[in-house]
Amino acid sequence: GKVVVTISMQSHDVTDEDKDELTYGQPIKKGILLVELYDTGIGMDQGYIKHAWKSYSQGDMSITKMQDGTGLGLSICKSL
């Protein structure tokens, strides 16, 4: 499998309405950061999904040899 992370930013102009700021009444750029994750790994049991973003160490490395991966992709993506 593979893990693909795509990061993009959607920006737009808004008028600053905070009277305490030096930019009050002026147009400023605001943005939304979008992080998308695509993982083609072997999948996991529904019961383990809540733990998917946690890092761990595998006790049985035999699955790693069969699947060419460590199972740490989501945890690494979260750290990035």
N, C-alpha and C. Protein backbone atom coordinates (compact mmCIF):
# COMPACT_ATOMS: atom_id res chain seq x y z
N GLY A 1 0.82 -1.19 0.00
CA GLY A 1 0.00 0.00 0.00
C GLY A 1 0.86 1.25 0.00
N LYS A 2 0.19 2.36 0.00
CA LYS A 2 0.88 3.65 0.05
C LYS A 2 0.01 4.65 0.80
N VAL A 3 0.65 5.69 1.26
CA VAL A 3 -0.04 6.80 1.92
C VAL A 3 0.28 8.06 1.15
N VAL A 4 -0.75 8.79 0.74
CA VAL A 4 -0.57 10.05 0.02
C VAL A 4 -1.21 11.16 0.85
N VAL A 5 -0.44 12.18 1.15
CA VAL A 5 -0.95 13.33 1.88
C VAL A 5 -0.95 14.53 0.95
N THR A 6 -2.10 15.18 0.81
CA THR A 6 -2.23 16.36 -0.01
C THR A 6 -2.62 17.53 0.89
N ILE A 7 -1.89 18.60 0.81
CA ILE A 7 -2.18 19.78 1.63
C ILE A 7 -2.43 20.95 0.69
N SER A 8 -3.56 21.60 0.88
CA SER A 8 -3.88 22.76 0.05
C SER A 8 -4.47 23.85 0.94
N MET A 9 -4.50 25.05 0.39
CA MET A 9 -5.03 26.18 1.14
C MET A 9 -6.03 26.93 0.27
N GLN A 10 -7.18 27.17 0.84
CA GLN A 10 -8.21 27.95 0.17
C GLN A 10 -8.22 29.32 0.83
N SER A 11 -7.85 30.35 0.10
CA SER A 11 -7.79 31.68 0.70
C SER A 11 -8.90 32.56 0.13
N HIS A 12 -9.27 33.53 0.93
CA HIS A 12 -10.27 34.50 0.50
C HIS A 12 -10.04 35.82 1.24
N ASP A 13 -10.49 36.90 0.63
CA ASP A 13 -10.35 38.22 1.24
C ASP A 13 -11.57 38.54 2.10
N VAL A 14 -11.30 39.09 3.28
CA VAL A 14 -12.38 39.53 4.17
C VAL A 14 -12.01 40.91 4.70
N THR A 15 -12.98 41.62 5.21
CA THR A 15 -12.72 42.92 5.82
C THR A 15 -12.56 42.71 7.32
N ASP A 16 -11.46 43.21 7.87
CA ASP A 16 -11.21 43.07 9.30
C ASP A 16 -12.23 43.90 10.08
N GLU A 17 -12.97 43.25 10.95
CA GLU A 17 -14.00 43.94 11.73
C GLU A 17 -13.64 44.06 13.20
N ASP A 18 -12.38 43.75 13.54
CA ASP A 18 -11.93 43.86 14.92
C ASP A 18 -11.38 45.26 15.15
N LYS A 19 -12.13 46.08 15.91
CA LYS A 19 -11.75 47.48 16.13
C LYS A 19 -10.44 47.63 16.90
N ASP A 20 -9.99 46.59 17.56
CA ASP A 20 -8.75 46.65 18.33
C ASP A 20 -7.51 46.39 17.47
N GLU A 21 -7.71 46.01 16.23
CA GLU A 21 -6.59 45.70 15.35
C GLU A 21 -6.22 46.89 14.48
N LEU A 22 -4.94 47.00 14.12
CA LEU A 22 -4.47 48.07 13.24
C LEU A 22 -5.05 47.94 11.84
N THR A 23 -5.48 46.73 11.48
CA THR A 23 -6.01 46.49 10.14
C THR A 23 -7.52 46.65 10.08
N TYR A 24 -8.13 47.25 11.10
CA TYR A 24 -9.59 47.40 11.14
C TYR A 24 -10.10 48.12 9.89
N GLY A 25 -11.12 47.52 9.24
CA GLY A 25 -11.72 48.11 8.06
C GLY A 25 -10.98 47.81 6.77
N GLN A 26 -9.83 47.19 6.86
CA GLN A 26 -9.03 46.91 5.67
C GLN A 26 -9.26 45.47 5.21
N PRO A 27 -9.06 45.22 3.93
CA PRO A 27 -9.17 43.84 3.45
C PRO A 27 -7.95 43.03 3.91
N ILE A 28 -8.21 41.84 4.41
CA ILE A 28 -7.12 40.94 4.81
C ILE A 28 -7.40 39.56 4.21
N LYS A 29 -6.36 38.79 4.05
CA LYS A 29 -6.50 37.44 3.52
C LYS A 29 -6.67 36.47 4.68
N LYS A 30 -7.64 35.58 4.55
CA LYS A 30 -7.84 34.49 5.50
C LYS A 30 -7.78 33.21 4.70
N GLY A 31 -7.42 32.13 5.36
CA GLY A 31 -7.32 30.87 4.64
C GLY A 31 -7.78 29.69 5.46
N ILE A 32 -8.13 28.65 4.75
CA ILE A 32 -8.49 27.38 5.35
C ILE A 32 -7.50 26.36 4.83
N LEU A 33 -6.84 25.67 5.75
CA LEU A 33 -5.87 24.65 5.40
C LEU A 33 -6.60 23.31 5.31
N LEU A 34 -6.49 22.64 4.18
CA LEU A 34 -7.15 21.36 3.97
C LEU A 34 -6.08 20.28 3.86
N VAL A 35 -6.15 19.28 4.74
CA VAL A 35 -5.23 18.15 4.72
C VAL A 35 -6.03 16.91 4.35
N GLU A 36 -5.65 16.28 3.24
CA GLU A 36 -6.33 15.07 2.78
C GLU A 36 -5.36 13.89 2.85
N LEU A 37 -5.86 12.77 3.28
CA LEU A 37 -5.05 11.58 3.44
C LEU A 37 -5.68 10.43 2.66
N TYR A 38 -4.88 9.75 1.88
CA TYR A 38 -5.32 8.61 1.09
C TYR A 38 -4.40 7.45 1.43
N ASP A 39 -4.96 6.36 1.93
CA ASP A 39 -4.17 5.21 2.38
C ASP A 39 -4.67 3.96 1.69
N THR A 40 -3.80 3.25 1.01
CA THR A 40 -4.19 2.04 0.29
C THR A 40 -3.72 0.78 1.02
N GLY A 41 -3.51 0.89 2.31
CA GLY A 41 -3.04 -0.26 3.09
C GLY A 41 -4.05 -1.39 3.12
N ILE A 42 -3.75 -2.43 3.90
CA ILE A 42 -4.58 -3.63 3.93
C ILE A 42 -5.87 -3.45 4.71
N GLY A 43 -6.04 -2.31 5.37
CA GLY A 43 -7.26 -2.07 6.12
C GLY A 43 -7.13 -2.52 7.56
N MET A 44 -8.20 -2.31 8.32
CA MET A 44 -8.16 -2.70 9.73
C MET A 44 -9.57 -3.01 10.21
N ASP A 45 -9.63 -3.73 11.27
CA ASP A 45 -10.90 -4.06 11.91
C ASP A 45 -11.54 -2.79 12.44
N GLN A 46 -12.86 -2.67 12.33
CA GLN A 46 -13.60 -1.47 12.78
C GLN A 46 -13.29 -1.11 14.23
N GLY A 47 -13.04 -2.09 15.07
CA GLY A 47 -12.76 -1.84 16.49
C GLY A 47 -11.47 -1.09 16.75
N TYR A 48 -10.58 -1.08 15.78
CA TYR A 48 -9.28 -0.43 15.96
C TYR A 48 -9.20 0.95 15.34
N ILE A 49 -10.24 1.38 14.63
CA ILE A 49 -10.18 2.67 13.93
C ILE A 49 -9.93 3.83 14.89
N LYS A 50 -10.51 3.79 16.10
CA LYS A 50 -10.30 4.89 17.04
C LYS A 50 -8.84 5.03 17.47
N HIS A 51 -8.05 3.99 17.25
CA HIS A 51 -6.62 4.03 17.61
C HIS A 51 -5.72 4.30 16.41
N ALA A 52 -6.31 4.52 15.23
CA ALA A 52 -5.53 4.59 13.99
C ALA A 52 -4.48 5.68 13.99
N TRP A 53 -4.71 6.79 14.68
CA TRP A 53 -3.77 7.91 14.64
C TRP A 53 -2.71 7.83 15.72
N LYS A 54 -2.76 6.82 16.56
CA LYS A 54 -1.78 6.68 17.64
C LYS A 54 -0.58 5.90 17.12
N SER A 55 0.60 6.28 17.59
CA SER A 55 1.79 5.52 17.21
C SER A 55 1.90 4.31 18.12
N TYR A 56 2.52 3.28 17.64
CA TYR A 56 2.66 2.04 18.39
C TYR A 56 3.84 1.27 17.86
N SER A 57 4.17 0.21 18.54
CA SER A 57 5.18 -0.70 18.01
C SER A 57 4.53 -2.07 17.87
N GLN A 58 4.84 -2.76 16.81
CA GLN A 58 4.23 -4.05 16.57
C GLN A 58 4.93 -5.13 17.35
N GLY A 59 4.15 -5.99 17.95
CA GLY A 59 4.71 -7.13 18.66
C GLY A 59 5.05 -8.26 17.71
N ASP A 60 4.27 -8.41 16.65
CA ASP A 60 4.46 -9.48 15.68
C ASP A 60 4.81 -8.85 14.33
N MET A 61 6.05 -8.92 13.95
CA MET A 61 6.50 -8.29 12.71
C MET A 61 6.24 -9.16 11.48
N SER A 62 5.64 -10.35 11.65
CA SER A 62 5.41 -11.22 10.50
C SER A 62 4.46 -10.59 9.49
N ILE A 63 3.47 -9.81 9.95
CA ILE A 63 2.54 -9.14 9.04
C ILE A 63 3.28 -8.09 8.20
N THR A 64 4.31 -7.47 8.82
CA THR A 64 5.11 -6.48 8.09
C THR A 64 5.82 -7.13 6.92
N LYS A 65 6.37 -8.31 7.14
CA LYS A 65 7.08 -9.01 6.07
C LYS A 65 6.13 -9.38 4.93
N MET A 66 4.88 -9.73 5.27
CA MET A 66 3.93 -10.12 4.24
C MET A 66 3.38 -8.90 3.50
N GLN A 67 3.25 -7.75 4.15
CA GLN A 67 2.56 -6.60 3.56
C GLN A 67 3.47 -5.44 3.19
N ASP A 68 4.76 -5.53 3.47
CA ASP A 68 5.69 -4.45 3.14
C ASP A 68 5.32 -3.13 3.81
N GLY A 69 5.09 -3.13 5.08
CA GLY A 69 4.78 -1.90 5.79
C GLY A 69 4.87 -2.10 7.29
N THR A 70 4.92 -1.00 8.01
CA THR A 70 5.02 -1.08 9.46
C THR A 70 3.71 -0.75 10.15
N GLY A 71 2.73 -0.20 9.41
CA GLY A 71 1.47 0.20 10.03
C GLY A 71 1.56 1.53 10.73
N LEU A 72 2.58 2.30 10.46
CA LEU A 72 2.77 3.58 11.14
C LEU A 72 2.43 4.77 10.26
N GLY A 73 1.88 4.54 9.07
CA GLY A 73 1.62 5.62 8.12
C GLY A 73 0.74 6.73 8.66
N LEU A 74 -0.38 6.39 9.30
CA LEU A 74 -1.29 7.43 9.81
C LEU A 74 -0.64 8.22 10.94
N SER A 75 0.09 7.53 11.80
CA SER A 75 0.75 8.21 12.91
C SER A 75 1.80 9.20 12.40
N ILE A 76 2.54 8.78 11.40
CA ILE A 76 3.56 9.67 10.81
C ILE A 76 2.90 10.87 10.15
N CYS A 77 1.79 10.64 9.43
CA CYS A 77 1.07 11.74 8.78
C CYS A 77 0.56 12.74 9.81
N LYS A 78 0.07 12.25 10.94
CA LYS A 78 -0.41 13.13 11.99
C LYS A 78 0.73 14.02 12.51
N SER A 79 1.91 13.43 12.66
CA SER A 79 3.06 14.20 13.14
C SER A 79 3.48 15.27 12.14
N LEU A 80 3.33 14.96 10.86
CA LEU A 80 3.70 15.95 9.83
C LEU A 80 2.76 17.13 9.91
